[in-house]
N, C-alpha and C. Protein backbone atom coordinates (compact mmCIF):
# COMPACT_ATOMS: atom_id res chain seq x y z
N UNK A 1 -93.94 0.61 -21.84
CA UNK A 1 -94.88 -0.52 -21.58
C UNK A 1 -95.63 -0.87 -22.96
N UNK A 2 -96.07 -0.01 -23.35
CA UNK A 2 -97.17 0.10 -24.73
C UNK A 2 -96.47 -0.61 -25.82
N UNK A 3 -95.10 -0.50 -25.83
CA UNK A 3 -94.42 -1.12 -26.88
C UNK A 3 -94.26 -2.69 -26.59
N UNK A 4 -94.05 -2.93 -25.57
CA UNK A 4 -93.94 -4.02 -24.87
C UNK A 4 -95.03 -4.87 -25.17
N UNK A 5 -96.45 -4.24 -24.82
CA UNK A 5 -97.39 -4.65 -24.94
C UNK A 5 -97.77 -5.04 -26.52
N UNK A 6 -97.47 -4.09 -27.40
CA UNK A 6 -97.71 -4.41 -28.64
C UNK A 6 -96.91 -5.54 -29.20
N UNK A 7 -95.72 -5.77 -28.71
CA UNK A 7 -94.83 -6.76 -29.00
C UNK A 7 -95.40 -7.96 -28.66
N UNK A 8 -96.07 -8.20 -27.49
CA UNK A 8 -96.42 -9.23 -27.00
C UNK A 8 -97.73 -9.53 -27.74
N UNK A 9 -98.60 -8.76 -28.10
CA UNK A 9 -99.84 -9.18 -28.85
C UNK A 9 -99.57 -9.33 -30.27
N UNK A 10 -98.15 -8.89 -31.00
CA UNK A 10 -97.69 -9.34 -32.04
C UNK A 10 -97.25 -10.98 -32.09
N UNK A 11 -96.43 -11.37 -30.95
CA UNK A 11 -95.80 -12.56 -30.70
C UNK A 11 -97.03 -13.59 -30.80
N UNK A 12 -97.99 -13.30 -29.90
CA UNK A 12 -98.96 -14.12 -29.51
C UNK A 12 -99.94 -14.07 -31.02
N UNK A 13 -100.23 -13.20 -31.59
CA UNK A 13 -101.24 -13.26 -33.01
C UNK A 13 -100.23 -14.22 -33.95
N UNK A 14 -98.69 -14.19 -34.05
CA UNK A 14 -98.09 -14.57 -34.44
C UNK A 14 -98.13 -16.21 -34.45
N UNK A 15 -98.26 -16.60 -33.31
CA UNK A 15 -98.37 -17.93 -32.58
C UNK A 15 -99.72 -18.62 -33.20
N UNK A 16 -100.54 -17.72 -33.49
CA UNK A 16 -101.70 -18.35 -34.03
C UNK A 16 -101.46 -19.12 -35.43
N UNK A 17 -100.59 -18.84 -36.19
CA UNK A 17 -100.42 -19.09 -37.29
C UNK A 17 -101.59 -19.03 -38.38
N UNK A 18 -101.96 -17.85 -38.73
CA UNK A 18 -103.26 -17.77 -39.35
C UNK A 18 -102.80 -17.89 -40.86
N UNK A 19 -103.64 -18.44 -41.57
CA UNK A 19 -103.35 -18.36 -43.00
C UNK A 19 -103.68 -16.78 -43.66
N UNK A 20 -102.99 -16.83 -45.02
CA UNK A 20 -103.14 -15.50 -45.81
C UNK A 20 -104.37 -15.01 -46.08
N UNK A 21 -105.20 -13.82 -45.77
CA UNK A 21 -106.01 -13.40 -46.01
C UNK A 21 -107.22 -13.76 -44.57
N UNK A 22 -106.57 -14.41 -43.80
CA UNK A 22 -107.60 -15.01 -42.53
C UNK A 22 -107.97 -13.65 -41.81
N UNK A 23 -107.22 -12.99 -41.89
CA UNK A 23 -107.84 -11.65 -41.06
C UNK A 23 -107.27 -11.56 -39.65
N UNK A 24 -107.13 -10.50 -38.80
CA UNK A 24 -106.78 -10.53 -37.75
C UNK A 24 -107.84 -10.77 -36.98
N UNK A 25 -107.86 -11.55 -35.72
CA UNK A 25 -108.97 -11.65 -35.01
C UNK A 25 -109.60 -10.55 -34.40
N UNK A 26 -110.91 -10.35 -34.04
CA UNK A 26 -111.72 -9.11 -33.52
C UNK A 26 -110.80 -8.60 -32.50
N UNK A 27 -110.61 -9.59 -31.33
CA UNK A 27 -110.20 -9.26 -30.32
C UNK A 27 -108.57 -8.59 -29.97
N UNK A 28 -107.82 -8.70 -31.31
CA UNK A 28 -106.58 -8.34 -31.37
C UNK A 28 -106.69 -7.29 -32.01
N UNK A 29 -107.67 -6.96 -32.98
CA UNK A 29 -107.66 -5.62 -33.21
C UNK A 29 -108.34 -4.59 -32.34
N UNK A 30 -109.14 -5.05 -31.40
CA UNK A 30 -109.45 -4.28 -30.42
C UNK A 30 -108.64 -3.70 -29.67
N UNK A 31 -107.55 -4.56 -29.29
CA UNK A 31 -106.60 -4.33 -28.25
C UNK A 31 -105.31 -3.58 -28.75
N UNK A 32 -105.21 -3.63 -30.40
CA UNK A 32 -104.54 -3.10 -31.17
C UNK A 32 -104.68 -1.49 -31.05
N UNK A 33 -106.10 -1.26 -31.16
CA UNK A 33 -106.86 0.02 -31.33
C UNK A 33 -106.45 0.70 -30.03
N UNK A 34 -106.66 -0.03 -28.99
CA UNK A 34 -106.40 0.67 -27.53
C UNK A 34 -104.86 1.08 -27.43
N UNK A 35 -104.24 0.10 -28.12
CA UNK A 35 -102.56 0.20 -27.73
C UNK A 35 -102.23 1.61 -28.68
N UNK A 36 -102.69 1.77 -30.01
CA UNK A 36 -102.60 2.77 -30.75
C UNK A 36 -103.03 3.96 -30.20
N UNK A 37 -103.93 4.16 -29.52
CA UNK A 37 -104.93 5.25 -29.04
C UNK A 37 -104.27 5.86 -27.56
N UNK A 38 -103.11 5.10 -27.06
CA UNK A 38 -102.52 5.48 -25.77
C UNK A 38 -101.98 6.92 -25.98
N UNK A 39 -101.84 7.66 -25.03
CA UNK A 39 -101.22 9.19 -25.13
C UNK A 39 -99.58 9.18 -25.28
N UNK A 40 -99.17 10.04 -26.22
CA UNK A 40 -97.70 10.45 -26.25
C UNK A 40 -97.24 9.36 -27.05
N UNK A 41 -95.97 8.79 -26.55
CA UNK A 41 -94.94 8.12 -26.98
C UNK A 41 -95.18 6.75 -27.12
N UNK A 42 -96.35 6.34 -26.30
CA UNK A 42 -96.86 4.93 -26.26
C UNK A 42 -97.43 4.56 -27.34
N UNK A 43 -98.40 5.47 -28.12
CA UNK A 43 -98.99 5.31 -29.21
C UNK A 43 -98.20 5.13 -30.41
N UNK A 44 -96.93 6.25 -30.19
CA UNK A 44 -96.17 6.03 -31.56
C UNK A 44 -95.49 4.82 -31.45
N UNK A 45 -95.35 4.46 -30.30
CA UNK A 45 -94.57 3.21 -30.74
C UNK A 45 -95.04 1.96 -31.04
N UNK A 46 -96.51 1.95 -30.31
CA UNK A 46 -97.14 1.10 -30.92
C UNK A 46 -97.31 0.81 -32.60
N UNK A 47 -97.44 2.23 -33.09
CA UNK A 47 -97.94 2.35 -34.39
C UNK A 47 -96.40 1.75 -35.20
N UNK A 48 -95.15 2.41 -34.47
CA UNK A 48 -94.04 1.85 -35.29
C UNK A 48 -93.84 0.59 -35.36
N UNK A 49 -94.17 -0.14 -34.31
CA UNK A 49 -93.94 -1.70 -34.05
C UNK A 49 -95.14 -2.27 -35.29
N UNK A 50 -96.14 -1.84 -35.32
CA UNK A 50 -97.25 -2.30 -36.29
C UNK A 50 -96.72 -1.84 -37.87
N UNK A 51 -96.15 -0.80 -38.29
CA UNK A 51 -95.49 -0.61 -39.57
C UNK A 51 -94.40 -1.14 -39.99
N UNK A 52 -93.49 -1.52 -38.73
CA UNK A 52 -92.70 -2.28 -39.09
C UNK A 52 -92.63 -3.85 -39.63
N UNK A 53 -94.05 -4.14 -39.24
CA UNK A 53 -94.52 -5.63 -39.59
C UNK A 53 -95.35 -5.41 -40.52
N UNK A 54 -95.47 -4.52 -41.54
CA UNK A 54 -96.77 -4.30 -42.18
C UNK A 54 -96.75 -5.11 -43.38
N UNK A 55 -95.86 -5.86 -43.74
CA UNK A 55 -95.66 -6.78 -44.80
C UNK A 55 -96.50 -8.15 -44.52
N UNK A 56 -96.36 -8.78 -43.28
CA UNK A 56 -96.98 -9.71 -42.51
C UNK A 56 -98.41 -9.20 -42.14
N UNK A 57 -98.95 -8.04 -41.63
CA UNK A 57 -100.04 -7.55 -41.49
C UNK A 57 -100.80 -7.48 -42.78
N UNK A 58 -100.22 -7.27 -43.89
CA UNK A 58 -100.84 -7.22 -45.24
C UNK A 58 -101.34 -8.41 -45.62
N UNK A 59 -100.34 -9.59 -45.17
CA UNK A 59 -100.48 -10.95 -45.63
C UNK A 59 -102.04 -11.47 -44.89
N UNK A 60 -101.96 -11.26 -43.63
CA UNK A 60 -103.10 -11.60 -42.72
C UNK A 60 -104.43 -10.98 -43.09
N UNK A 61 -104.38 -9.57 -43.40
CA UNK A 61 -105.44 -8.74 -43.39
C UNK A 61 -105.49 -7.62 -44.39
N UNK A 62 -105.20 -7.70 -45.46
CA UNK A 62 -104.89 -6.40 -46.51
C UNK A 62 -106.23 -5.51 -46.28
N UNK A 63 -107.46 -5.99 -46.18
CA UNK A 63 -108.59 -4.87 -45.94
C UNK A 63 -108.01 -3.69 -44.79
N UNK A 64 -107.63 -4.33 -43.58
CA UNK A 64 -107.47 -3.68 -42.43
C UNK A 64 -106.31 -2.77 -42.55
N UNK A 65 -105.39 -3.45 -43.06
CA UNK A 65 -104.03 -2.35 -43.33
C UNK A 65 -104.25 -1.37 -44.13
N UNK A 66 -104.90 -1.59 -45.15
CA UNK A 66 -105.54 -0.70 -46.15
C UNK A 66 -106.21 0.46 -45.76
N UNK A 67 -107.07 -0.09 -44.80
CA UNK A 67 -108.30 1.11 -44.48
C UNK A 67 -107.61 1.74 -43.05
N UNK A 68 -107.02 0.78 -42.51
CA UNK A 68 -106.57 1.65 -40.80
C UNK A 68 -105.02 1.89 -40.93
N UNK A 69 -104.03 0.97 -41.48
CA UNK A 69 -102.61 1.32 -41.27
C UNK A 69 -101.89 2.48 -42.23
N UNK A 70 -102.39 2.27 -43.73
CA UNK A 70 -102.06 3.20 -44.53
C UNK A 70 -102.03 4.71 -44.42
N UNK A 71 -103.65 4.91 -43.94
CA UNK A 71 -103.56 6.48 -43.77
C UNK A 71 -102.28 6.94 -42.80
N UNK A 72 -101.93 6.33 -41.80
CA UNK A 72 -100.78 6.68 -40.90
C UNK A 72 -99.74 7.38 -41.41
N UNK A 73 -99.56 6.99 -42.44
CA UNK A 73 -98.47 7.36 -43.60
C UNK A 73 -98.53 8.95 -44.32
N UNK A 74 -99.75 9.15 -44.23
CA UNK A 74 -99.73 10.76 -44.68
C UNK A 74 -99.13 11.65 -43.72
N UNK A 75 -98.63 12.65 -44.49
CA UNK A 75 -97.82 13.44 -43.46
C UNK A 75 -98.62 14.66 -42.79
N UNK A 76 -99.96 14.53 -43.06
CA UNK A 76 -100.78 15.38 -42.17
C UNK A 76 -101.45 14.59 -41.02
N UNK A 77 -101.08 13.26 -41.22
CA UNK A 77 -101.62 12.45 -39.95
C UNK A 77 -100.97 12.47 -38.84
N UNK A 78 -101.14 12.37 -37.65
CA UNK A 78 -100.28 12.58 -36.58
C UNK A 78 -99.45 11.48 -36.21
N UNK A 79 -99.81 10.35 -36.76
CA UNK A 79 -98.92 9.18 -36.61
C UNK A 79 -97.88 9.10 -37.77
N UNK A 80 -97.85 9.86 -38.62
CA UNK A 80 -97.05 9.90 -39.68
C UNK A 80 -95.44 9.57 -39.54
N UNK A 81 -94.91 10.39 -38.41
CA UNK A 81 -93.42 10.03 -38.13
C UNK A 81 -93.23 8.65 -37.89
N UNK A 82 -94.08 8.01 -36.66
CA UNK A 82 -93.93 6.77 -36.10
C UNK A 82 -94.22 5.82 -37.20
N UNK A 83 -95.16 6.11 -38.11
CA UNK A 83 -95.32 4.82 -39.29
C UNK A 83 -94.09 4.94 -40.18
N UNK A 84 -93.80 6.13 -40.73
CA UNK A 84 -92.59 6.16 -41.51
C UNK A 84 -91.26 5.37 -40.72
N UNK A 85 -91.10 5.94 -39.51
CA UNK A 85 -89.98 5.02 -38.77
C UNK A 85 -90.17 3.91 -38.60
N UNK A 86 -91.23 2.95 -38.23
CA UNK A 86 -91.23 1.61 -38.14
C UNK A 86 -91.19 1.02 -39.59
N UNK A 87 -91.78 1.85 -40.46
CA UNK A 87 -91.73 0.88 -42.02
C UNK A 87 -90.30 1.06 -42.54
N UNK A 88 -89.25 2.28 -42.03
CA UNK A 88 -88.06 2.44 -42.70
C UNK A 88 -87.12 1.52 -41.93
N UNK A 89 -87.47 1.11 -40.68
CA UNK A 89 -86.68 -0.05 -39.74
C UNK A 89 -86.74 -1.15 -40.41
N UNK A 90 -87.70 -1.47 -41.02
CA UNK A 90 -87.91 -2.90 -41.54
C UNK A 90 -86.79 -3.11 -42.54
N UNK A 91 -86.64 -1.87 -43.22
CA UNK A 91 -85.69 -1.78 -44.40
C UNK A 91 -85.85 -2.87 -45.52
N UNK A 92 -86.95 -2.84 -46.04
CA UNK A 92 -87.07 -3.78 -47.20
C UNK A 92 -88.03 -2.80 -48.03
N UNK A 93 -88.02 -3.33 -49.47
CA UNK A 93 -89.18 -3.05 -50.39
C UNK A 93 -90.52 -3.19 -49.95
N UNK A 94 -91.40 -2.35 -50.59
CA UNK A 94 -92.67 -2.63 -50.07
C UNK A 94 -93.56 -3.59 -50.98
N UNK A 95 -94.56 -4.55 -50.36
CA UNK A 95 -95.21 -5.09 -51.16
C UNK A 95 -96.07 -4.71 -52.12
N UNK A 96 -96.45 -5.26 -53.34
CA UNK A 96 -97.26 -4.31 -54.48
C UNK A 96 -98.39 -3.32 -53.89
N UNK A 97 -99.18 -4.18 -53.11
CA UNK A 97 -100.03 -3.24 -52.51
C UNK A 97 -99.82 -2.31 -51.65
N UNK A 98 -99.05 -2.45 -50.87
CA UNK A 98 -98.46 -1.52 -49.83
C UNK A 98 -97.77 -0.20 -50.64
N UNK A 99 -97.05 -0.80 -51.49
CA UNK A 99 -96.18 0.25 -52.31
C UNK A 99 -96.87 1.40 -53.14
N UNK A 100 -98.14 0.58 -53.88
CA UNK A 100 -98.83 1.58 -54.63
C UNK A 100 -99.49 2.57 -53.75
N UNK A 101 -100.04 2.30 -52.45
CA UNK A 101 -100.37 3.12 -51.55
C UNK A 101 -99.84 4.14 -50.97
N UNK A 102 -98.45 3.69 -50.70
CA UNK A 102 -97.30 4.68 -50.08
C UNK A 102 -96.92 5.52 -51.44
N UNK A 103 -96.99 5.40 -52.37
CA UNK A 103 -96.04 5.68 -53.38
C UNK A 103 -96.13 7.40 -53.44
N UNK A 104 -97.53 7.87 -53.36
CA UNK A 104 -97.51 9.26 -53.42
C UNK A 104 -96.83 10.18 -52.43
N UNK A 105 -96.95 9.44 -51.18
CA UNK A 105 -96.43 9.89 -50.11
C UNK A 105 -94.77 9.61 -50.09
N UNK A 106 -94.49 8.60 -50.44
CA UNK A 106 -93.11 8.10 -50.78
C UNK A 106 -92.50 9.30 -51.88
N UNK A 107 -92.84 9.97 -52.52
CA UNK A 107 -92.22 10.86 -53.95
C UNK A 107 -92.30 12.31 -52.88
N UNK A 108 -92.71 12.57 -51.63
CA UNK A 108 -92.59 13.30 -50.83
C UNK A 108 -91.72 13.24 -49.76
N UNK A 109 -91.27 12.07 -49.36
CA UNK A 109 -90.31 11.54 -48.19
C UNK A 109 -89.44 12.67 -47.99
N UNK A 110 -88.62 12.84 -48.94
CA UNK A 110 -87.53 13.81 -49.15
C UNK A 110 -88.02 15.33 -49.62
N UNK A 111 -88.12 15.82 -48.95
CA UNK A 111 -87.50 16.64 -47.56
C UNK A 111 -88.15 16.29 -46.13
N UNK A 112 -89.30 15.67 -46.43
CA UNK A 112 -90.09 15.60 -44.96
C UNK A 112 -89.38 14.99 -43.74
N UNK A 113 -88.77 13.94 -44.32
CA UNK A 113 -87.83 12.97 -43.40
C UNK A 113 -86.70 13.81 -42.47
N UNK A 114 -86.51 15.03 -43.28
CA UNK A 114 -85.34 15.99 -42.47
C UNK A 114 -85.86 16.53 -41.29
N UNK A 115 -87.42 16.66 -40.96
CA UNK A 115 -88.11 17.74 -40.36
C UNK A 115 -88.13 16.59 -39.13
N UNK A 116 -87.49 15.29 -38.97
CA UNK A 116 -87.68 14.42 -37.76
C UNK A 116 -86.14 14.48 -37.44
N UNK A 117 -86.10 13.87 -36.21
CA UNK A 117 -84.77 14.06 -35.66
C UNK A 117 -84.54 12.86 -35.34
N UNK A 118 -84.14 11.95 -36.31
CA UNK A 118 -83.66 10.62 -36.23
C UNK A 118 -82.23 10.21 -36.28
N UNK A 119 -81.57 11.12 -37.30
CA UNK A 119 -80.29 10.98 -37.26
C UNK A 119 -80.24 10.23 -38.81
N UNK A 120 -79.14 9.73 -39.01
CA UNK A 120 -79.04 9.53 -40.69
C UNK A 120 -79.35 8.26 -41.05
N UNK A 121 -79.45 7.25 -40.42
CA UNK A 121 -79.64 5.79 -40.44
C UNK A 121 -80.84 5.49 -41.31
N UNK A 122 -82.06 6.19 -40.91
CA UNK A 122 -83.44 5.71 -41.54
C UNK A 122 -83.46 6.81 -43.07
N UNK A 123 -82.88 7.54 -43.14
CA UNK A 123 -82.41 8.71 -44.39
C UNK A 123 -81.97 7.57 -45.20
N UNK A 124 -81.01 7.35 -45.03
CA UNK A 124 -80.05 6.40 -45.78
C UNK A 124 -80.75 5.08 -46.28
N UNK A 125 -81.91 4.67 -45.38
CA UNK A 125 -82.42 3.42 -45.81
C UNK A 125 -83.53 3.83 -46.78
N UNK A 126 -84.27 5.03 -46.59
CA UNK A 126 -84.90 5.52 -47.59
C UNK A 126 -84.41 5.82 -49.06
N UNK A 127 -83.32 6.21 -48.78
CA UNK A 127 -82.50 6.56 -50.41
C UNK A 127 -82.28 4.99 -50.92
N UNK A 128 -82.01 4.27 -50.11
CA UNK A 128 -81.86 2.75 -50.53
C UNK A 128 -83.12 2.13 -50.99
N UNK A 129 -84.06 2.50 -50.57
CA UNK A 129 -85.29 2.31 -50.97
C UNK A 129 -85.75 2.59 -52.29
N UNK A 130 -85.70 4.04 -52.56
CA UNK A 130 -86.09 4.63 -53.81
C UNK A 130 -85.05 4.33 -54.85
N UNK A 131 -83.96 3.89 -54.42
CA UNK A 131 -83.04 3.30 -55.45
C UNK A 131 -83.86 2.11 -55.95
N UNK A 132 -84.06 1.05 -55.18
CA UNK A 132 -84.29 -0.18 -55.20
C UNK A 132 -85.77 -0.02 -56.08
N UNK A 133 -86.75 1.02 -55.61
CA UNK A 133 -87.71 1.07 -56.26
C UNK A 133 -87.66 1.67 -57.96
N UNK A 134 -86.53 2.08 -58.14
CA UNK A 134 -86.30 2.73 -59.29
C UNK A 134 -85.51 2.11 -60.26
N UNK A 135 -84.74 1.06 -59.58
CA UNK A 135 -83.98 -0.02 -60.32
C UNK A 135 -84.91 -1.08 -60.96
N UNK A 136 -85.36 -1.78 -59.68
CA UNK A 136 -86.03 -3.17 -59.85
C UNK A 136 -87.26 -2.93 -60.10
N UNK A 137 -88.04 -1.89 -60.20
CA UNK A 137 -89.67 -1.80 -60.00
C UNK A 137 -90.12 -0.69 -60.93
N UNK A 138 -89.22 -0.28 -61.60
CA UNK A 138 -89.71 0.85 -62.59
C UNK A 138 -90.81 0.94 -63.55
N UNK A 139 -91.04 -0.31 -63.79
CA UNK A 139 -91.89 -0.90 -64.78
C UNK A 139 -93.44 -1.02 -64.02
N UNK A 140 -93.44 -0.81 -62.88
CA UNK A 140 -94.50 -1.59 -61.88
C UNK A 140 -95.34 -0.27 -61.31
N UNK A 141 -96.53 -0.48 -60.99
CA UNK A 141 -97.51 0.73 -60.44
C UNK A 141 -96.77 1.25 -59.03
N UNK A 142 -96.04 0.30 -58.60
CA UNK A 142 -95.74 0.54 -57.15
C UNK A 142 -94.30 0.91 -57.02
N UNK A 143 -93.51 0.87 -58.17
CA UNK A 143 -91.96 1.28 -58.38
C UNK A 143 -92.05 2.84 -58.74
N UNK A 144 -90.94 3.47 -59.16
CA UNK A 144 -90.63 4.41 -59.79
C UNK A 144 -90.12 4.74 -61.01
N UNK A 145 -90.82 5.54 -61.71
CA UNK A 145 -89.93 5.69 -62.90
C UNK A 145 -88.88 6.73 -62.81
N UNK A 146 -88.57 7.09 -64.07
CA UNK A 146 -87.13 7.84 -64.17
C UNK A 146 -87.47 9.35 -63.60
N UNK A 147 -88.81 10.14 -63.97
CA UNK A 147 -89.10 11.14 -63.49
C UNK A 147 -89.13 11.12 -62.10
N UNK A 148 -89.72 10.20 -61.57
CA UNK A 148 -89.99 10.10 -60.47
C UNK A 148 -88.80 9.64 -59.26
N UNK A 149 -88.00 9.03 -59.78
CA UNK A 149 -86.66 8.83 -59.12
C UNK A 149 -85.80 10.36 -59.32
N UNK A 150 -85.85 10.78 -60.25
CA UNK A 150 -85.04 12.28 -60.38
C UNK A 150 -85.61 12.95 -59.39
N UNK A 151 -86.89 13.04 -59.21
CA UNK A 151 -87.47 14.10 -58.42
C UNK A 151 -87.12 13.96 -56.78
N UNK A 152 -87.14 12.37 -56.41
CA UNK A 152 -86.81 11.97 -55.07
C UNK A 152 -85.13 12.44 -54.90
N UNK A 153 -84.32 12.32 -55.96
CA UNK A 153 -82.74 12.42 -55.89
C UNK A 153 -82.77 13.86 -55.72
N UNK A 154 -83.73 14.39 -56.34
CA UNK A 154 -83.27 16.22 -56.14
C UNK A 154 -83.63 16.66 -54.82
N UNK A 155 -84.35 16.03 -54.17
CA UNK A 155 -85.20 16.47 -52.89
C UNK A 155 -84.17 15.92 -51.58
N UNK A 156 -83.58 14.92 -52.01
CA UNK A 156 -82.37 14.22 -50.96
C UNK A 156 -81.33 15.66 -50.85
N UNK A 157 -80.70 15.41 -49.81
CA UNK A 157 -79.72 16.24 -49.18
C UNK A 157 -78.47 15.66 -50.01
N UNK A 158 -77.45 16.22 -49.83
CA UNK A 158 -75.71 15.80 -50.63
C UNK A 158 -75.73 14.44 -50.02
N UNK A 159 -75.95 14.26 -48.41
CA UNK A 159 -75.60 13.26 -48.19
C UNK A 159 -76.46 11.86 -48.48
N UNK A 160 -77.45 12.03 -48.41
CA UNK A 160 -78.60 11.05 -48.95
C UNK A 160 -78.25 10.40 -50.62
N UNK A 161 -77.94 11.60 -51.21
CA UNK A 161 -77.71 11.35 -52.56
C UNK A 161 -75.98 10.33 -52.57
N UNK A 162 -75.35 10.64 -51.79
CA UNK A 162 -74.38 9.72 -51.72
C UNK A 162 -74.65 8.54 -51.39
N UNK A 163 -75.66 8.21 -50.27
CA UNK A 163 -76.38 6.90 -50.15
C UNK A 163 -76.66 6.07 -51.36
N UNK A 164 -77.45 7.00 -52.14
CA UNK A 164 -78.05 6.41 -53.53
C UNK A 164 -77.05 6.03 -54.28
N UNK A 165 -75.85 6.70 -54.58
CA UNK A 165 -74.92 6.16 -55.39
C UNK A 165 -74.29 5.10 -54.77
N UNK A 166 -73.95 4.82 -53.51
CA UNK A 166 -73.47 3.76 -52.70
C UNK A 166 -74.21 2.58 -52.87
N UNK A 167 -75.84 2.78 -53.00
CA UNK A 167 -76.80 1.71 -53.24
C UNK A 167 -76.55 1.18 -54.57
N UNK A 168 -76.20 1.90 -55.86
CA UNK A 168 -75.97 1.74 -56.96
C UNK A 168 -75.09 0.97 -57.09
N UNK A 169 -73.92 1.35 -56.28
CA UNK A 169 -72.58 0.34 -56.62
C UNK A 169 -72.78 -0.93 -55.86
N UNK A 170 -73.63 -1.01 -54.69
CA UNK A 170 -74.03 -2.40 -54.29
C UNK A 170 -74.84 -3.03 -55.31
N UNK A 171 -75.78 -2.86 -56.06
CA UNK A 171 -76.61 -3.38 -56.94
C UNK A 171 -75.52 -3.77 -57.90
N UNK A 172 -74.85 -3.22 -58.40
CA UNK A 172 -73.60 -3.28 -59.55
C UNK A 172 -72.75 -4.60 -59.44
N UNK A 173 -72.39 -4.67 -57.95
CA UNK A 173 -71.51 -5.48 -57.59
C UNK A 173 -72.39 -6.82 -57.19
N UNK A 174 -73.69 -6.84 -56.72
CA UNK A 174 -74.36 -7.91 -56.04
C UNK A 174 -75.08 -8.68 -57.57
N UNK A 175 -75.65 -8.08 -58.22
CA UNK A 175 -76.79 -8.37 -59.23
C UNK A 175 -75.56 -9.03 -60.52
N UNK A 176 -76.27 -10.09 -61.37
CA UNK A 176 -75.34 -10.48 -62.41
C UNK A 176 -75.73 -9.40 -63.66
N UNK A 177 -74.33 -9.06 -64.13
CA UNK A 177 -74.48 -8.03 -65.03
C UNK A 177 -74.77 -6.72 -64.61
N UNK A 178 -74.55 -6.52 -63.26
CA UNK A 178 -75.16 -5.27 -62.66
C UNK A 178 -75.19 -4.10 -63.34
N UNK A 179 -73.80 -3.80 -63.70
CA UNK A 179 -73.54 -2.54 -64.38
C UNK A 179 -74.60 -2.19 -65.32
N UNK A 180 -74.36 -3.14 -66.75
CA UNK A 180 -74.96 -3.18 -67.73
C UNK A 180 -76.44 -3.20 -67.80
N UNK A 181 -76.92 -4.11 -67.05
CA UNK A 181 -78.38 -4.40 -66.72
C UNK A 181 -79.11 -3.34 -65.83
N UNK A 182 -78.80 -2.79 -65.00
CA UNK A 182 -79.25 -2.10 -63.73
C UNK A 182 -78.69 -0.51 -63.62
N UNK A 183 -77.39 -0.35 -63.33
CA UNK A 183 -76.73 0.69 -62.94
C UNK A 183 -76.90 1.71 -64.30
N UNK A 184 -76.28 1.38 -65.33
CA UNK A 184 -76.18 2.51 -66.54
C UNK A 184 -77.61 2.73 -67.13
N UNK A 185 -78.70 1.60 -67.06
CA UNK A 185 -79.81 2.23 -67.59
C UNK A 185 -80.52 3.31 -66.57
N UNK A 186 -80.27 2.95 -65.11
CA UNK A 186 -80.94 3.99 -64.58
C UNK A 186 -80.25 5.37 -64.34
N UNK A 187 -78.77 5.13 -64.95
CA UNK A 187 -78.03 6.61 -65.08
C UNK A 187 -78.37 7.55 -66.17
N UNK A 188 -78.70 6.43 -67.19
CA UNK A 188 -79.25 7.00 -68.80
C UNK A 188 -80.78 7.64 -68.13
């Protein structure tokens, strides 16, 4: 029920067609906070729904996302698991502001992700995001340089390293001059 209520809030908030940076209305924030504070899986589900839509929330209210949502990703936070679950379910590279804030934690996502009983799909997505940040954003503050990418690959299990190689193959096929422009420089 808490998840359904959060989805209803999300749909209603979306229907307001707010402009960038306009902020989430106070009455919505109050309800969001109540849902997140729900005990057990209800609060976790609310957090997962919010983090799945983190890019859109950042568009609306960057200060609130930075101050309230980003701390959930810290592995010491009780909402860390549902926050990462929701974020990885979105399966997209983070916008710069979120990526910069998440980067220190992303560097330790492997092996932390293996403690959570999610199955292999979200770890596969995490490996693909790592590759995307290393290949396409290595020169950006929210991207991964070669040392950081190497660290992430070394802390993955063999299955997820295979997923990383698979993603490199996809990049090579999908991008113009993918092998020479993206994959070979990454391997070097």
